[in-house]
């Protein structure tokens, strides 16, 4: 699967604005220790583990890695649309809009457009959008 994370707020062609109710939604809790698990894979960024560093950077506590948030969204798309064939998820991109704190729940909302999925992820506890402008592509079954 091709992974692309956009940091631009600009919409790109094929990334139509979301309107109406989503066709599917899924709530996915994150583990309180999720950011610490990334330290086992070599990530030593104290922003994800040290409360003092996180506060100095302007966060109330350590934040979850963006790639963890992105991975959870990918897992949600597979779970909703191709649970027996994850290889069908062939491309995915999104904008990181706000940080996620370990232990929060992500709500994935998806709008269908043929083989293209438009999505966003929110943290309902804080009413914030954390992934926006999301587009994923599914290969035919």
N, C-alpha and C. Protein backbone atom coordinates (compact mmCIF):
# COMPACT_ATOMS: atom_id res chain seq x y z
N UNK A 1 0.84 -1.18 0.00
CA UNK A 1 0.00 0.00 0.00
C UNK A 1 0.88 1.23 0.00
N UNK A 2 0.50 2.21 -0.77
CA UNK A 2 1.20 3.49 -0.83
C UNK A 2 0.69 4.37 0.31
N UNK A 3 1.58 4.87 1.16
CA UNK A 3 1.22 5.74 2.28
C UNK A 3 1.64 7.16 1.94
N UNK A 4 0.74 8.09 2.15
CA UNK A 4 1.09 9.50 1.95
C UNK A 4 0.35 10.30 3.00
N UNK A 5 1.06 11.09 3.74
CA UNK A 5 0.45 11.96 4.73
C UNK A 5 0.69 13.39 4.31
N UNK A 6 -0.36 14.11 4.07
CA UNK A 6 -0.24 15.49 3.63
C UNK A 6 -0.27 16.42 4.83
N UNK A 7 0.54 17.46 4.79
CA UNK A 7 0.50 18.46 5.84
C UNK A 7 -0.13 19.75 5.33
N UNK A 8 -0.64 19.73 4.13
CA UNK A 8 -1.25 20.92 3.54
C UNK A 8 -2.76 20.90 3.76
N UNK A 9 -3.34 22.05 4.05
CA UNK A 9 -4.78 22.13 4.23
C UNK A 9 -5.50 22.21 2.89
N UNK A 10 -4.76 22.38 1.81
CA UNK A 10 -5.36 22.52 0.49
C UNK A 10 -5.97 21.19 0.02
N UNK A 11 -7.17 21.27 -0.53
CA UNK A 11 -7.80 20.07 -1.09
C UNK A 11 -7.17 19.77 -2.43
N UNK A 12 -7.03 18.50 -2.71
CA UNK A 12 -6.45 18.08 -3.98
C UNK A 12 -7.54 17.49 -4.86
N UNK A 13 -7.33 17.44 -6.17
CA UNK A 13 -8.33 16.81 -7.04
C UNK A 13 -8.61 15.39 -6.57
N UNK A 14 -9.87 14.99 -6.63
CA UNK A 14 -10.24 13.67 -6.16
C UNK A 14 -10.46 13.61 -4.68
N UNK A 15 -10.37 14.74 -4.00
CA UNK A 15 -10.58 14.80 -2.57
C UNK A 15 -11.73 15.77 -2.31
N UNK A 16 -12.93 15.35 -2.73
CA UNK A 16 -14.10 16.21 -2.64
C UNK A 16 -14.47 16.48 -1.19
N UNK A 17 -15.07 17.63 -0.94
CA UNK A 17 -15.53 17.92 0.42
C UNK A 17 -16.54 16.88 0.88
N UNK A 18 -16.51 16.58 2.15
CA UNK A 18 -17.43 15.61 2.72
C UNK A 18 -18.75 16.30 3.00
N UNK A 19 -19.85 15.64 2.64
CA UNK A 19 -21.15 16.23 2.93
C UNK A 19 -22.13 15.12 3.27
N UNK A 20 -23.14 15.48 4.02
CA UNK A 20 -24.13 14.50 4.44
C UNK A 20 -23.56 13.58 5.51
N UNK A 21 -24.38 12.64 5.90
CA UNK A 21 -23.94 11.68 6.91
C UNK A 21 -22.96 10.69 6.30
N UNK A 22 -21.98 10.23 7.09
CA UNK A 22 -21.05 9.23 6.55
C UNK A 22 -21.77 7.92 6.25
N UNK A 23 -21.24 7.19 5.28
CA UNK A 23 -21.80 5.88 4.93
C UNK A 23 -21.41 4.83 5.96
N UNK A 24 -20.31 5.06 6.66
CA UNK A 24 -19.85 4.13 7.68
C UNK A 24 -19.05 4.89 8.73
N UNK A 25 -19.05 4.37 9.94
CA UNK A 25 -18.27 4.97 11.02
C UNK A 25 -17.83 3.85 11.96
N UNK A 26 -16.71 4.08 12.60
CA UNK A 26 -16.17 3.08 13.51
C UNK A 26 -15.39 3.79 14.61
N UNK A 27 -15.69 3.46 15.86
CA UNK A 27 -14.94 3.99 17.00
C UNK A 27 -13.85 2.99 17.36
N UNK A 28 -12.62 3.50 17.52
CA UNK A 28 -11.47 2.65 17.81
C UNK A 28 -10.67 3.25 18.96
N UNK A 29 -10.72 2.62 20.13
CA UNK A 29 -9.93 3.14 21.25
C UNK A 29 -8.44 2.91 21.02
N UNK A 30 -7.63 3.83 21.51
CA UNK A 30 -6.18 3.65 21.48
C UNK A 30 -5.73 3.25 22.88
N UNK A 31 -4.61 2.60 22.96
CA UNK A 31 -4.06 2.20 24.25
C UNK A 31 -3.40 3.38 24.94
N UNK A 32 -3.53 3.47 26.24
CA UNK A 32 -2.88 4.54 26.99
C UNK A 32 -1.36 4.47 26.84
N UNK A 33 -0.82 3.27 26.65
CA UNK A 33 0.63 3.10 26.52
C UNK A 33 1.07 2.99 25.05
N UNK A 34 0.20 3.32 24.10
CA UNK A 34 0.52 3.15 22.68
C UNK A 34 1.79 3.89 22.27
N UNK A 35 1.95 5.13 22.72
CA UNK A 35 3.14 5.90 22.31
C UNK A 35 4.41 5.26 22.86
N UNK A 36 4.33 4.66 24.03
CA UNK A 36 5.51 4.02 24.60
C UNK A 36 5.93 2.79 23.81
N UNK A 37 4.96 2.12 23.19
CA UNK A 37 5.28 0.95 22.37
C UNK A 37 6.19 1.32 21.19
N UNK A 38 6.03 2.53 20.67
CA UNK A 38 6.87 2.96 19.56
C UNK A 38 8.33 3.13 19.98
N UNK A 39 8.58 3.35 21.25
CA UNK A 39 9.96 3.45 21.72
C UNK A 39 10.68 2.12 21.52
N UNK A 40 9.93 1.02 21.58
CA UNK A 40 10.53 -0.30 21.36
C UNK A 40 11.02 -0.48 19.93
N UNK A 41 10.46 0.31 19.00
CA UNK A 41 10.89 0.20 17.61
C UNK A 41 11.94 1.26 17.25
N UNK A 42 12.46 1.93 18.26
CA UNK A 42 13.56 2.86 18.03
C UNK A 42 13.22 4.33 18.05
N UNK A 43 11.95 4.70 18.22
CA UNK A 43 11.59 6.11 18.27
C UNK A 43 11.95 6.65 19.66
N UNK A 44 12.85 7.60 19.70
CA UNK A 44 13.28 8.16 20.98
C UNK A 44 12.80 9.59 21.18
N UNK A 45 11.84 10.07 20.38
CA UNK A 45 11.35 11.44 20.50
C UNK A 45 10.65 11.60 21.85
N UNK A 46 11.17 12.44 22.74
CA UNK A 46 10.58 12.59 24.07
C UNK A 46 9.18 13.21 24.04
N UNK A 47 8.78 13.82 22.94
CA UNK A 47 7.44 14.40 22.83
C UNK A 47 6.35 13.34 23.02
N UNK A 48 6.69 12.09 22.74
CA UNK A 48 5.72 11.00 22.83
C UNK A 48 5.78 10.25 24.15
N UNK A 49 6.74 10.60 25.02
CA UNK A 49 6.88 9.85 26.27
C UNK A 49 7.07 10.71 27.51
N UNK A 50 7.64 11.90 27.35
CA UNK A 50 8.00 12.72 28.50
C UNK A 50 7.00 13.87 28.69
N UNK A 51 6.26 13.88 29.81
CA UNK A 51 5.27 14.95 30.04
C UNK A 51 5.87 16.34 30.04
N UNK A 52 7.08 16.52 30.58
CA UNK A 52 7.71 17.85 30.60
C UNK A 52 8.01 18.35 29.19
N UNK A 53 8.56 17.49 28.36
CA UNK A 53 8.84 17.86 26.97
C UNK A 53 7.55 18.20 26.25
N UNK A 54 6.51 17.40 26.46
CA UNK A 54 5.22 17.66 25.81
C UNK A 54 4.66 19.02 26.24
N UNK A 55 4.73 19.33 27.53
CA UNK A 55 4.23 20.64 28.01
C UNK A 55 5.03 21.79 27.40
N UNK A 56 6.34 21.64 27.33
CA UNK A 56 7.18 22.70 26.74
C UNK A 56 6.85 22.90 25.27
N UNK A 57 6.37 21.86 24.61
CA UNK A 57 6.00 21.95 23.19
C UNK A 57 4.56 22.44 23.02
N UNK A 58 3.86 22.68 24.13
CA UNK A 58 2.51 23.23 24.05
C UNK A 58 1.38 22.21 24.16
N UNK A 59 1.71 20.98 24.54
CA UNK A 59 0.69 19.93 24.68
C UNK A 59 0.46 19.65 26.16
N UNK A 60 -0.76 19.24 26.51
CA UNK A 60 -1.05 18.97 27.91
C UNK A 60 -0.36 17.72 28.42
N UNK A 61 -0.03 16.81 27.51
CA UNK A 61 0.67 15.57 27.86
C UNK A 61 1.28 14.99 26.58
N UNK A 62 2.06 13.91 26.68
CA UNK A 62 2.65 13.32 25.48
C UNK A 62 1.59 12.96 24.44
N UNK A 63 1.96 13.08 23.17
CA UNK A 63 1.04 12.84 22.08
C UNK A 63 1.35 11.51 21.39
N UNK A 64 0.33 10.98 20.73
CA UNK A 64 0.48 9.75 19.96
C UNK A 64 1.22 10.06 18.66
N UNK A 65 2.00 9.13 18.18
CA UNK A 65 2.71 9.30 16.91
C UNK A 65 1.70 9.44 15.77
N UNK A 66 1.99 10.31 14.83
CA UNK A 66 1.12 10.45 13.67
C UNK A 66 0.99 9.15 12.90
N UNK A 67 2.09 8.41 12.78
CA UNK A 67 2.01 7.15 12.02
C UNK A 67 1.15 6.13 12.74
N UNK A 68 1.02 6.22 14.05
CA UNK A 68 0.11 5.34 14.78
C UNK A 68 -1.34 5.73 14.47
N UNK A 69 -1.64 7.02 14.50
CA UNK A 69 -2.98 7.49 14.16
C UNK A 69 -3.34 7.08 12.73
N UNK A 70 -2.40 7.25 11.81
CA UNK A 70 -2.61 6.90 10.41
C UNK A 70 -2.84 5.39 10.27
N UNK A 71 -2.06 4.61 10.99
CA UNK A 71 -2.21 3.15 10.95
C UNK A 71 -3.54 2.69 11.51
N UNK A 72 -4.00 3.32 12.57
CA UNK A 72 -5.29 2.96 13.14
C UNK A 72 -6.40 3.28 12.14
N UNK A 73 -6.30 4.41 11.46
CA UNK A 73 -7.29 4.75 10.42
C UNK A 73 -7.27 3.71 9.30
N UNK A 74 -6.09 3.28 8.88
CA UNK A 74 -5.98 2.25 7.83
C UNK A 74 -6.62 0.95 8.31
N UNK A 75 -6.36 0.57 9.54
CA UNK A 75 -6.95 -0.65 10.10
C UNK A 75 -8.47 -0.53 10.11
N UNK A 76 -8.99 0.65 10.44
CA UNK A 76 -10.44 0.85 10.44
C UNK A 76 -11.04 0.72 9.05
N UNK A 77 -10.35 1.27 8.04
CA UNK A 77 -10.84 1.16 6.66
C UNK A 77 -10.88 -0.31 6.23
N UNK A 78 -9.83 -1.05 6.55
CA UNK A 78 -9.80 -2.48 6.21
C UNK A 78 -10.91 -3.22 6.94
N UNK A 79 -11.04 -2.94 8.22
CA UNK A 79 -12.07 -3.62 9.02
C UNK A 79 -13.47 -3.37 8.47
N UNK A 80 -13.73 -2.13 8.03
CA UNK A 80 -15.06 -1.78 7.52
C UNK A 80 -15.33 -2.30 6.11
N UNK A 81 -14.32 -2.28 5.23
CA UNK A 81 -14.59 -2.49 3.81
C UNK A 81 -13.95 -3.73 3.17
N UNK A 82 -12.92 -4.27 3.80
CA UNK A 82 -12.30 -5.46 3.19
C UNK A 82 -11.60 -6.30 4.26
N UNK A 83 -12.35 -6.74 5.29
CA UNK A 83 -11.72 -7.45 6.41
C UNK A 83 -11.03 -8.76 6.02
N UNK A 84 -11.49 -9.40 4.97
CA UNK A 84 -10.89 -10.67 4.55
C UNK A 84 -9.87 -10.48 3.43
N UNK A 85 -9.65 -9.25 3.00
CA UNK A 85 -8.71 -8.99 1.90
C UNK A 85 -8.04 -7.63 2.11
N UNK A 86 -7.20 -7.49 3.14
CA UNK A 86 -6.58 -6.18 3.42
C UNK A 86 -5.74 -5.64 2.27
N UNK A 87 -5.28 -6.53 1.38
CA UNK A 87 -4.48 -6.08 0.24
C UNK A 87 -5.28 -5.21 -0.72
N UNK A 88 -6.60 -5.18 -0.58
CA UNK A 88 -7.43 -4.32 -1.43
C UNK A 88 -7.23 -2.84 -1.12
N UNK A 89 -6.78 -2.50 0.06
CA UNK A 89 -6.48 -1.10 0.39
C UNK A 89 -5.13 -0.77 -0.26
N UNK A 90 -5.17 -0.07 -1.39
CA UNK A 90 -3.96 0.13 -2.20
C UNK A 90 -3.33 1.50 -2.03
N UNK A 91 -4.05 2.48 -1.55
CA UNK A 91 -3.49 3.83 -1.37
C UNK A 91 -4.28 4.56 -0.31
N UNK A 92 -3.60 5.48 0.35
CA UNK A 92 -4.27 6.23 1.42
C UNK A 92 -3.48 7.50 1.67
N UNK A 93 -4.19 8.61 1.85
CA UNK A 93 -3.54 9.86 2.23
C UNK A 93 -4.50 10.63 3.14
N UNK A 94 -3.93 11.48 3.96
CA UNK A 94 -4.73 12.30 4.88
C UNK A 94 -3.87 13.44 5.39
N UNK A 95 -4.52 14.41 5.95
CA UNK A 95 -3.85 15.55 6.59
C UNK A 95 -3.94 15.37 8.09
N UNK A 96 -2.82 15.51 8.77
CA UNK A 96 -2.81 15.48 10.23
C UNK A 96 -3.28 16.85 10.72
N UNK A 97 -4.47 16.91 11.28
CA UNK A 97 -5.07 18.19 11.67
C UNK A 97 -4.78 18.58 13.11
N UNK A 98 -4.81 17.62 14.00
CA UNK A 98 -4.57 17.85 15.43
C UNK A 98 -3.95 16.59 16.01
N UNK A 99 -3.27 16.72 17.15
CA UNK A 99 -2.68 15.53 17.76
C UNK A 99 -3.73 14.67 18.48
N UNK A 100 -3.38 13.43 18.64
CA UNK A 100 -4.17 12.46 19.41
C UNK A 100 -3.36 12.16 20.67
N UNK A 101 -4.03 12.05 21.79
CA UNK A 101 -3.36 11.66 23.02
C UNK A 101 -3.59 10.17 23.25
N UNK A 102 -2.55 9.44 23.67
CA UNK A 102 -2.72 8.02 23.93
C UNK A 102 -3.89 7.78 24.89
N UNK A 103 -4.68 6.76 24.59
CA UNK A 103 -5.84 6.42 25.41
C UNK A 103 -7.15 7.00 24.88
N UNK A 104 -7.06 7.92 23.93
CA UNK A 104 -8.29 8.49 23.35
C UNK A 104 -8.89 7.54 22.32
N UNK A 105 -10.15 7.75 22.04
CA UNK A 105 -10.84 6.98 21.02
C UNK A 105 -10.85 7.76 19.72
N UNK A 106 -10.53 7.07 18.62
CA UNK A 106 -10.64 7.67 17.28
C UNK A 106 -11.96 7.23 16.67
N UNK A 107 -12.69 8.16 16.12
CA UNK A 107 -13.90 7.84 15.37
C UNK A 107 -13.59 8.07 13.89
N UNK A 108 -13.58 7.00 13.13
CA UNK A 108 -13.36 7.06 11.69
C UNK A 108 -14.72 7.21 11.01
N UNK A 109 -14.84 8.20 10.15
CA UNK A 109 -16.07 8.42 9.38
C UNK A 109 -15.71 8.34 7.90
N UNK A 110 -16.51 7.59 7.13
CA UNK A 110 -16.16 7.31 5.74
C UNK A 110 -17.35 7.57 4.83
N UNK A 111 -17.06 8.22 3.70
CA UNK A 111 -18.03 8.47 2.64
C UNK A 111 -17.57 7.69 1.41
N UNK A 112 -18.47 6.92 0.81
CA UNK A 112 -18.13 6.10 -0.35
C UNK A 112 -18.28 6.88 -1.64
N UNK A 113 -17.35 6.64 -2.55
CA UNK A 113 -17.39 7.22 -3.89
C UNK A 113 -16.77 6.19 -4.83
N UNK A 114 -17.53 5.15 -5.15
CA UNK A 114 -17.01 4.06 -5.97
C UNK A 114 -15.92 3.32 -5.22
N UNK A 115 -14.77 3.16 -5.86
CA UNK A 115 -13.63 2.48 -5.23
C UNK A 115 -12.84 3.44 -4.35
N UNK A 116 -13.23 4.69 -4.32
CA UNK A 116 -12.54 5.69 -3.51
C UNK A 116 -13.32 5.93 -2.22
N UNK A 117 -12.60 6.04 -1.14
CA UNK A 117 -13.19 6.30 0.17
C UNK A 117 -12.68 7.65 0.65
N UNK A 118 -13.60 8.53 0.99
CA UNK A 118 -13.24 9.81 1.61
C UNK A 118 -13.44 9.61 3.11
N UNK A 119 -12.49 10.04 3.92
CA UNK A 119 -12.61 9.77 5.35
C UNK A 119 -12.03 10.91 6.17
N UNK A 120 -12.42 10.88 7.43
CA UNK A 120 -11.83 11.75 8.44
C UNK A 120 -11.84 10.99 9.75
N UNK A 121 -11.03 11.43 10.69
CA UNK A 121 -11.00 10.83 12.02
C UNK A 121 -11.12 11.94 13.05
N UNK A 122 -11.92 11.68 14.05
CA UNK A 122 -12.16 12.64 15.13
C UNK A 122 -11.84 12.00 16.46
N UNK A 123 -11.62 12.83 17.46
CA UNK A 123 -11.57 12.38 18.84
C UNK A 123 -12.84 12.92 19.48
N UNK A 124 -13.85 12.07 19.65
CA UNK A 124 -15.14 12.55 20.17
C UNK A 124 -15.05 13.18 21.56
N UNK A 125 -14.14 12.68 22.42
CA UNK A 125 -14.03 13.21 23.78
C UNK A 125 -13.68 14.69 23.79
N UNK A 126 -12.91 15.14 22.79
CA UNK A 126 -12.52 16.55 22.72
C UNK A 126 -13.19 17.28 21.57
N UNK A 127 -14.02 16.58 20.79
CA UNK A 127 -14.70 17.17 19.63
C UNK A 127 -13.72 17.84 18.68
N UNK A 128 -12.62 17.12 18.36
CA UNK A 128 -11.63 17.66 17.44
C UNK A 128 -11.40 16.70 16.27
N UNK A 129 -11.16 17.30 15.12
CA UNK A 129 -10.83 16.56 13.92
C UNK A 129 -9.31 16.34 13.93
N UNK A 130 -8.87 15.09 13.86
CA UNK A 130 -7.44 14.80 13.94
C UNK A 130 -6.84 14.35 12.61
N UNK A 131 -7.65 13.75 11.74
CA UNK A 131 -7.25 13.45 10.36
C UNK A 131 -8.32 14.04 9.47
N UNK A 132 -7.91 14.83 8.48
CA UNK A 132 -8.87 15.43 7.56
C UNK A 132 -8.40 15.19 6.13
N UNK A 133 -9.26 15.52 5.18
CA UNK A 133 -8.94 15.39 3.76
C UNK A 133 -8.48 13.98 3.40
N UNK A 134 -8.99 12.98 4.10
CA UNK A 134 -8.57 11.61 3.87
C UNK A 134 -9.18 11.01 2.61
N UNK A 135 -8.35 10.33 1.84
CA UNK A 135 -8.79 9.61 0.64
C UNK A 135 -8.06 8.28 0.64
N UNK A 136 -8.81 7.22 0.39
CA UNK A 136 -8.22 5.88 0.26
C UNK A 136 -8.80 5.23 -0.98
N UNK A 137 -8.04 4.28 -1.53
CA UNK A 137 -8.50 3.58 -2.73
C UNK A 137 -8.52 2.09 -2.47
N UNK A 138 -9.59 1.44 -2.93
CA UNK A 138 -9.71 0.00 -2.83
C UNK A 138 -9.61 -0.62 -4.22
N UNK A 139 -8.85 -1.70 -4.31
CA UNK A 139 -8.79 -2.48 -5.54
C UNK A 139 -10.08 -3.29 -5.63
N UNK A 140 -10.50 -3.66 -6.84
CA UNK A 140 -11.70 -4.49 -6.99
C UNK A 140 -11.56 -5.80 -6.23
N UNK A 141 -12.68 -6.30 -5.77
CA UNK A 141 -12.68 -7.58 -5.02
C UNK A 141 -12.39 -8.73 -5.95
